[in-house]
N, C-alpha and C. Protein backbone atom coordinates (compact mmCIF):
# COMPACT_ATOMS: atom_id res chain seq x y z
N MET A 1 104.59 74.55 87.17
CA MET A 1 104.99 73.34 86.47
C MET A 1 106.42 72.95 86.84
N LEU A 2 107.30 73.96 86.97
CA LEU A 2 108.68 73.69 87.35
C LEU A 2 108.74 73.07 88.74
N LEU A 3 107.90 73.57 89.65
CA LEU A 3 107.87 73.02 91.00
C LEU A 3 107.45 71.55 90.99
N VAL A 4 106.48 71.21 90.18
CA VAL A 4 106.03 69.81 90.08
C VAL A 4 107.18 68.94 89.57
N GLY A 5 107.93 69.42 88.59
CA GLY A 5 109.07 68.67 88.06
C GLY A 5 110.14 68.46 89.11
N CYS A 6 110.41 69.50 89.92
CA CYS A 6 111.41 69.37 90.98
C CYS A 6 110.96 68.38 92.05
N LEU A 7 109.65 68.43 92.39
CA LEU A 7 109.14 67.49 93.38
C LEU A 7 109.19 66.07 92.86
N LEU A 8 108.90 65.89 91.58
CA LEU A 8 108.97 64.56 90.98
C LEU A 8 110.40 64.05 91.00
N LEU A 9 111.36 64.91 90.66
CA LEU A 9 112.78 64.52 90.70
C LEU A 9 113.19 64.14 92.10
N ALA A 10 112.76 64.92 93.09
CA ALA A 10 113.10 64.62 94.48
C ALA A 10 112.49 63.30 94.92
N ALA A 11 111.25 63.05 94.50
CA ALA A 11 110.59 61.79 94.87
C ALA A 11 111.28 60.60 94.24
N VAL A 12 111.68 60.73 92.98
CA VAL A 12 112.38 59.64 92.31
C VAL A 12 113.75 59.44 92.94
N GLY A 13 114.44 60.53 93.23
CA GLY A 13 115.77 60.43 93.82
C GLY A 13 115.77 59.81 95.19
N CYS A 14 114.68 59.98 95.93
CA CYS A 14 114.62 59.48 97.29
C CYS A 14 113.89 58.15 97.40
N SER A 15 113.44 57.60 96.27
CA SER A 15 112.69 56.35 96.35
C SER A 15 113.61 55.23 96.79
N ILE A 16 113.10 54.39 97.68
CA ILE A 16 113.89 53.28 98.18
C ILE A 16 113.09 52.00 98.02
N PRO A 17 113.78 50.92 97.78
CA PRO A 17 113.05 49.66 97.62
C PRO A 17 112.57 49.16 98.97
N ALA A 18 111.53 48.36 98.95
CA ALA A 18 111.09 47.71 100.18
C ALA A 18 112.22 46.80 100.64
N GLU A 19 112.57 46.92 101.92
CA GLU A 19 113.72 46.17 102.42
C GLU A 19 113.55 44.67 102.23
N SER A 20 112.33 44.18 102.38
CA SER A 20 112.12 42.74 102.22
C SER A 20 112.38 42.29 100.79
N ARG A 21 112.01 43.13 99.81
CA ARG A 21 112.28 42.77 98.41
C ARG A 21 113.77 42.85 98.12
N PHE A 22 114.45 43.84 98.69
CA PHE A 22 115.89 43.98 98.47
C PHE A 22 116.64 42.77 99.06
N ASP A 23 116.20 42.33 100.23
CA ASP A 23 116.85 41.18 100.88
C ASP A 23 116.69 39.88 100.10
N ALA A 24 115.73 39.83 99.17
CA ALA A 24 115.51 38.63 98.38
C ALA A 24 116.53 38.48 97.26
N ILE A 25 117.23 39.54 96.90
CA ILE A 25 118.19 39.50 95.79
C ILE A 25 119.39 38.64 96.19
N ARG A 26 119.82 37.80 95.26
CA ARG A 26 120.92 36.88 95.52
C ARG A 26 121.98 36.99 94.43
N PRO A 27 123.24 36.68 94.78
CA PRO A 27 124.27 36.61 93.75
C PRO A 27 123.87 35.65 92.65
N GLY A 28 124.17 36.04 91.41
CA GLY A 28 123.81 35.22 90.27
C GLY A 28 122.59 35.74 89.53
N TRP A 29 121.81 36.62 90.16
CA TRP A 29 120.66 37.21 89.47
C TRP A 29 121.15 38.09 88.33
N THR A 30 120.33 38.22 87.30
CA THR A 30 120.67 39.10 86.19
C THR A 30 120.13 40.51 86.46
N GLU A 31 120.56 41.46 85.64
CA GLU A 31 120.05 42.83 85.76
C GLU A 31 118.53 42.84 85.57
N ALA A 32 118.02 42.03 84.65
CA ALA A 32 116.58 41.97 84.42
C ALA A 32 115.85 41.42 85.65
N ASP A 33 116.44 40.43 86.32
CA ASP A 33 115.83 39.88 87.55
C ASP A 33 115.71 40.97 88.61
N VAL A 34 116.77 41.75 88.76
CA VAL A 34 116.78 42.81 89.77
C VAL A 34 115.73 43.87 89.43
N ARG A 35 115.66 44.26 88.17
CA ARG A 35 114.66 45.27 87.76
C ARG A 35 113.24 44.78 88.05
N ARG A 36 112.98 43.51 87.77
CA ARG A 36 111.65 42.96 88.04
C ARG A 36 111.34 42.96 89.54
N ALA A 37 112.35 42.68 90.35
CA ALA A 37 112.14 42.55 91.80
C ALA A 37 111.98 43.91 92.49
N ILE A 38 112.83 44.89 92.15
CA ILE A 38 112.79 46.16 92.90
C ILE A 38 112.74 47.40 92.04
N GLY A 39 112.70 47.25 90.73
CA GLY A 39 112.55 48.41 89.86
C GLY A 39 113.87 49.02 89.43
N GLU A 40 113.76 50.20 88.85
CA GLU A 40 114.92 50.90 88.31
C GLU A 40 115.78 51.50 89.42
N PRO A 41 117.10 51.45 89.28
CA PRO A 41 117.97 52.09 90.28
C PRO A 41 117.91 53.61 90.15
N THR A 42 118.25 54.29 91.24
CA THR A 42 118.31 55.75 91.18
C THR A 42 119.62 56.22 90.57
N VAL A 43 120.68 55.41 90.71
CA VAL A 43 121.98 55.74 90.12
C VAL A 43 122.59 54.46 89.57
N ILE A 44 123.17 54.56 88.37
CA ILE A 44 123.95 53.47 87.80
C ILE A 44 125.36 54.01 87.56
N VAL A 45 126.32 53.40 88.23
CA VAL A 45 127.73 53.76 88.02
C VAL A 45 128.29 52.72 87.06
N PRO A 46 128.77 53.16 85.89
CA PRO A 46 129.26 52.20 84.89
C PRO A 46 130.42 51.36 85.41
N GLY A 47 130.56 50.18 84.85
CA GLY A 47 131.67 49.31 85.21
C GLY A 47 132.98 49.84 84.62
N GLU A 48 134.03 49.11 84.86
CA GLU A 48 135.35 49.51 84.36
C GLU A 48 135.78 48.59 83.22
N SER A 49 136.53 49.18 82.28
CA SER A 49 137.08 48.43 81.16
C SER A 49 138.59 48.60 81.14
N ASP A 50 139.28 47.62 80.56
CA ASP A 50 140.73 47.76 80.43
C ASP A 50 141.06 48.65 79.24
N GLU A 51 142.33 48.82 78.95
CA GLU A 51 142.75 49.72 77.88
C GLU A 51 142.30 49.27 76.49
N ASP A 52 141.91 48.00 76.36
CA ASP A 52 141.41 47.49 75.09
C ASP A 52 139.89 47.57 74.99
N GLY A 53 139.25 48.10 76.04
CA GLY A 53 137.80 48.22 76.03
C GLY A 53 137.05 46.98 76.50
N VAL A 54 137.78 46.01 77.02
CA VAL A 54 137.16 44.79 77.52
C VAL A 54 136.70 45.03 78.96
N ALA A 55 135.44 44.70 79.24
CA ALA A 55 134.89 44.92 80.58
C ALA A 55 135.62 44.05 81.60
N ILE A 56 136.11 44.66 82.66
CA ILE A 56 136.77 43.92 83.73
C ILE A 56 135.96 43.94 85.02
N GLU A 57 135.00 44.86 85.08
CA GLU A 57 134.11 44.95 86.23
C GLU A 57 132.78 45.48 85.76
N GLY A 58 131.71 44.95 86.32
CA GLY A 58 130.37 45.38 85.92
C GLY A 58 129.93 46.65 86.62
N PRO A 59 128.72 47.10 86.34
CA PRO A 59 128.21 48.34 86.93
C PRO A 59 127.81 48.16 88.39
N ARG A 60 127.61 49.28 89.04
CA ARG A 60 127.10 49.32 90.41
C ARG A 60 125.77 50.06 90.36
N TRP A 61 124.73 49.45 90.90
CA TRP A 61 123.42 50.09 90.96
C TRP A 61 123.16 50.54 92.38
N GLN A 62 122.61 51.73 92.52
CA GLN A 62 122.28 52.27 93.83
C GLN A 62 120.79 52.57 93.89
N TYR A 63 120.20 52.33 95.04
CA TYR A 63 118.79 52.62 95.29
C TYR A 63 118.68 53.48 96.54
N GLY A 64 117.71 54.39 96.55
CA GLY A 64 117.48 55.24 97.71
C GLY A 64 118.39 56.45 97.77
N ASP A 65 118.88 56.89 96.62
CA ASP A 65 119.78 58.04 96.58
C ASP A 65 119.05 59.35 96.86
N THR A 66 119.80 60.29 97.40
CA THR A 66 119.36 61.67 97.53
C THR A 66 120.15 62.47 96.50
N LEU A 67 119.84 63.74 96.36
CA LEU A 67 120.61 64.57 95.44
C LEU A 67 122.09 64.58 95.83
N SER A 68 122.36 64.54 97.12
CA SER A 68 123.75 64.53 97.60
C SER A 68 124.48 63.27 97.16
N THR A 69 123.85 62.10 97.33
CA THR A 69 124.53 60.86 96.96
C THR A 69 124.62 60.71 95.45
N MET A 70 123.66 61.28 94.71
CA MET A 70 123.75 61.27 93.25
C MET A 70 124.94 62.10 92.79
N THR A 71 125.13 63.24 93.41
CA THR A 71 126.26 64.11 93.07
C THR A 71 127.57 63.42 93.40
N THR A 72 127.62 62.75 94.55
CA THR A 72 128.83 62.03 94.93
C THR A 72 129.16 60.95 93.91
N ALA A 73 128.15 60.22 93.45
CA ALA A 73 128.37 59.16 92.46
C ALA A 73 128.89 59.73 91.15
N ALA A 74 128.40 60.91 90.77
CA ALA A 74 128.86 61.53 89.52
C ALA A 74 130.29 62.06 89.65
N ALA A 75 130.60 62.68 90.79
CA ALA A 75 131.92 63.29 90.96
C ALA A 75 132.98 62.27 91.38
N PHE A 76 132.60 61.31 92.20
CA PHE A 76 133.54 60.32 92.72
C PHE A 76 132.95 58.93 92.55
N PRO A 77 133.00 58.39 91.33
CA PRO A 77 132.30 57.12 91.06
C PRO A 77 132.79 55.93 91.88
N ARG A 78 133.98 55.98 92.43
CA ARG A 78 134.47 54.85 93.24
C ARG A 78 133.98 54.92 94.68
N THR A 79 133.42 56.07 95.08
CA THR A 79 132.91 56.23 96.44
C THR A 79 131.49 55.68 96.52
N VAL A 80 131.24 54.83 97.50
CA VAL A 80 129.92 54.24 97.69
C VAL A 80 129.30 54.86 98.94
N PRO A 81 128.23 55.65 98.78
CA PRO A 81 127.62 56.27 99.96
C PRO A 81 127.07 55.23 100.94
N ASP A 82 127.18 55.53 102.24
CA ASP A 82 126.72 54.61 103.28
C ASP A 82 125.21 54.48 103.34
N ARG A 83 124.47 55.51 102.94
CA ARG A 83 123.02 55.50 103.19
C ARG A 83 122.17 54.96 102.05
N VAL A 84 122.76 54.27 101.10
CA VAL A 84 121.99 53.73 99.98
C VAL A 84 122.11 52.20 99.92
N TRP A 85 121.15 51.57 99.25
CA TRP A 85 121.23 50.15 98.93
C TRP A 85 122.10 50.03 97.69
N VAL A 86 122.99 49.04 97.64
CA VAL A 86 123.94 48.92 96.53
C VAL A 86 123.96 47.49 96.02
N ILE A 87 124.01 47.38 94.68
CA ILE A 87 124.16 46.07 94.03
C ILE A 87 125.33 46.18 93.06
N TRP A 88 126.31 45.30 93.22
CA TRP A 88 127.46 45.24 92.31
C TRP A 88 127.24 44.08 91.35
N PHE A 89 127.50 44.33 90.08
CA PHE A 89 127.38 43.30 89.05
C PHE A 89 128.78 42.94 88.55
N ASP A 90 128.93 41.71 88.06
CA ASP A 90 130.20 41.33 87.44
C ASP A 90 130.17 41.77 85.98
N ALA A 91 131.25 41.51 85.27
CA ALA A 91 131.37 41.95 83.88
C ALA A 91 130.34 41.29 82.96
N GLU A 92 129.81 40.13 83.36
CA GLU A 92 128.80 39.44 82.55
C GLU A 92 127.37 39.88 82.86
N GLY A 93 127.19 40.77 83.86
CA GLY A 93 125.87 41.28 84.18
C GLY A 93 125.12 40.51 85.25
N PHE A 94 125.82 39.71 86.04
CA PHE A 94 125.20 38.96 87.13
C PHE A 94 125.53 39.63 88.47
N VAL A 95 124.58 39.56 89.40
CA VAL A 95 124.80 40.13 90.73
C VAL A 95 125.99 39.44 91.36
N ARG A 96 126.93 40.26 91.81
CA ARG A 96 128.12 39.74 92.48
C ARG A 96 127.99 39.91 93.99
N ARG A 97 127.44 41.08 94.41
CA ARG A 97 127.36 41.38 95.84
C ARG A 97 126.28 42.43 96.06
N ILE A 98 125.65 42.41 97.24
CA ILE A 98 124.67 43.44 97.60
C ILE A 98 125.01 43.97 98.99
N ARG A 99 124.54 45.19 99.26
CA ARG A 99 124.75 45.79 100.58
C ARG A 99 123.62 46.78 100.85
N GLY A 100 123.03 46.69 102.02
CA GLY A 100 122.04 47.66 102.44
C GLY A 100 122.72 48.88 103.02
N PRO A 101 121.93 49.88 103.43
CA PRO A 101 122.52 51.08 104.03
C PRO A 101 123.30 50.72 105.29
N VAL A 102 124.42 51.40 105.49
CA VAL A 102 125.22 51.22 106.68
C VAL A 102 124.59 52.06 107.78
N LYS A 103 124.25 51.42 108.87
CA LYS A 103 123.59 52.12 109.98
C LYS A 103 124.61 52.96 110.74
N ALA A 104 124.25 54.20 111.04
CA ALA A 104 125.11 55.07 111.83
C ALA A 104 125.03 54.63 113.29
N ILE A 105 126.10 54.87 114.01
CA ILE A 105 126.12 54.55 115.44
C ILE A 105 125.32 55.61 116.18
N ARG A 106 124.30 55.15 116.91
CA ARG A 106 123.47 56.07 117.66
C ARG A 106 124.23 56.57 118.88
N GLU A 107 123.87 57.76 119.34
CA GLU A 107 124.48 58.33 120.54
C GLU A 107 124.20 57.39 121.70
N GLY A 108 125.20 57.10 122.50
CA GLY A 108 125.05 56.17 123.61
C GLY A 108 125.53 54.78 123.26
N ASP A 109 125.62 54.46 121.97
CA ASP A 109 126.10 53.15 121.54
C ASP A 109 127.60 53.14 121.30
N GLU A 110 128.24 54.32 121.46
CA GLU A 110 129.67 54.41 121.16
C GLU A 110 130.50 53.47 122.03
N ALA A 111 130.18 53.41 123.33
CA ALA A 111 130.97 52.58 124.23
C ALA A 111 130.82 51.11 123.86
N GLU A 112 129.59 50.69 123.52
CA GLU A 112 129.37 49.30 123.13
C GLU A 112 130.11 48.95 121.84
N ALA A 113 130.20 49.92 120.93
CA ALA A 113 130.85 49.67 119.65
C ALA A 113 132.36 49.86 119.72
N GLY A 114 132.86 50.32 120.87
CA GLY A 114 134.29 50.55 121.01
C GLY A 114 134.76 51.82 120.35
N VAL A 115 133.86 52.78 120.15
CA VAL A 115 134.21 54.05 119.53
C VAL A 115 134.52 55.05 120.62
N THR A 116 135.63 55.73 120.50
CA THR A 116 135.98 56.76 121.48
C THR A 116 135.92 58.12 120.82
N ALA A 117 135.60 59.12 121.61
CA ALA A 117 135.51 60.48 121.10
C ALA A 117 136.90 61.02 120.81
N PRO A 118 137.07 61.79 119.75
CA PRO A 118 138.39 62.34 119.45
C PRO A 118 138.76 63.42 120.47
N ASP A 119 140.08 63.62 120.62
CA ASP A 119 140.56 64.64 121.56
C ASP A 119 140.40 66.04 121.01
N THR A 120 140.38 66.17 119.71
CA THR A 120 140.24 67.49 119.09
C THR A 120 138.93 67.54 118.33
N PRO A 121 138.32 68.73 118.26
CA PRO A 121 137.06 68.82 117.52
C PRO A 121 137.28 68.61 116.03
N LEU A 122 136.24 68.12 115.36
CA LEU A 122 136.30 67.88 113.93
C LEU A 122 136.53 69.19 113.18
N PHE A 123 135.82 70.23 113.60
CA PHE A 123 135.96 71.55 112.99
C PHE A 123 136.41 72.53 114.08
N PRO A 124 137.68 72.92 114.10
CA PRO A 124 138.14 73.84 115.14
C PRO A 124 137.47 75.20 114.96
N PRO A 125 137.36 75.99 116.05
CA PRO A 125 136.72 77.30 115.95
C PRO A 125 137.47 78.21 114.98
N VAL A 126 136.70 79.03 114.28
CA VAL A 126 137.29 79.95 113.31
C VAL A 126 137.91 81.15 114.02
N MET A 127 137.26 81.63 115.06
CA MET A 127 137.74 82.81 115.79
C MET A 127 138.91 82.42 116.69
N PRO A 128 139.95 83.26 116.76
CA PRO A 128 141.05 82.97 117.67
C PRO A 128 140.59 83.16 119.13
N PRO A 129 141.27 82.55 120.09
CA PRO A 129 140.87 82.73 121.47
C PRO A 129 140.97 84.19 121.89
N ARG A 130 140.12 84.63 122.80
CA ARG A 130 140.07 86.03 123.23
C ARG A 130 140.96 86.29 124.42
N ASN A 131 141.72 85.36 124.89
CA ASN A 131 142.53 85.54 126.11
C ASN A 131 143.95 85.96 125.79
N ARG A 132 144.13 87.01 125.04
CA ARG A 132 145.49 87.48 124.72
C ARG A 132 145.95 88.53 125.68
């Protein structure tokens, strides 16, 4: 039974909206409009309020999250993962902006995109050199 619950959680966490339905969303839609069009988000990051409790920014909804991106949203709510669909709402609850997943640069496309390889490795070797 526990395994079924974990699989269900994984399936819900990884569910993504149909891209064509997501592309139909426009600024000015309400939260209810979005729910009708693509369903419940996998993550809702609450909006921000000022010191008096007045909403100054609406929530951010994410679709297509994995356990990793859900954890990132919980630990670092201002960080928006590249691999999810995102909808930002204004303080009144209307869609302000949308963004699909950011596509990674495929190997071989670096030159076309103007990306150059770094001179140093991202993770240097742990072992010291053996040529002493």
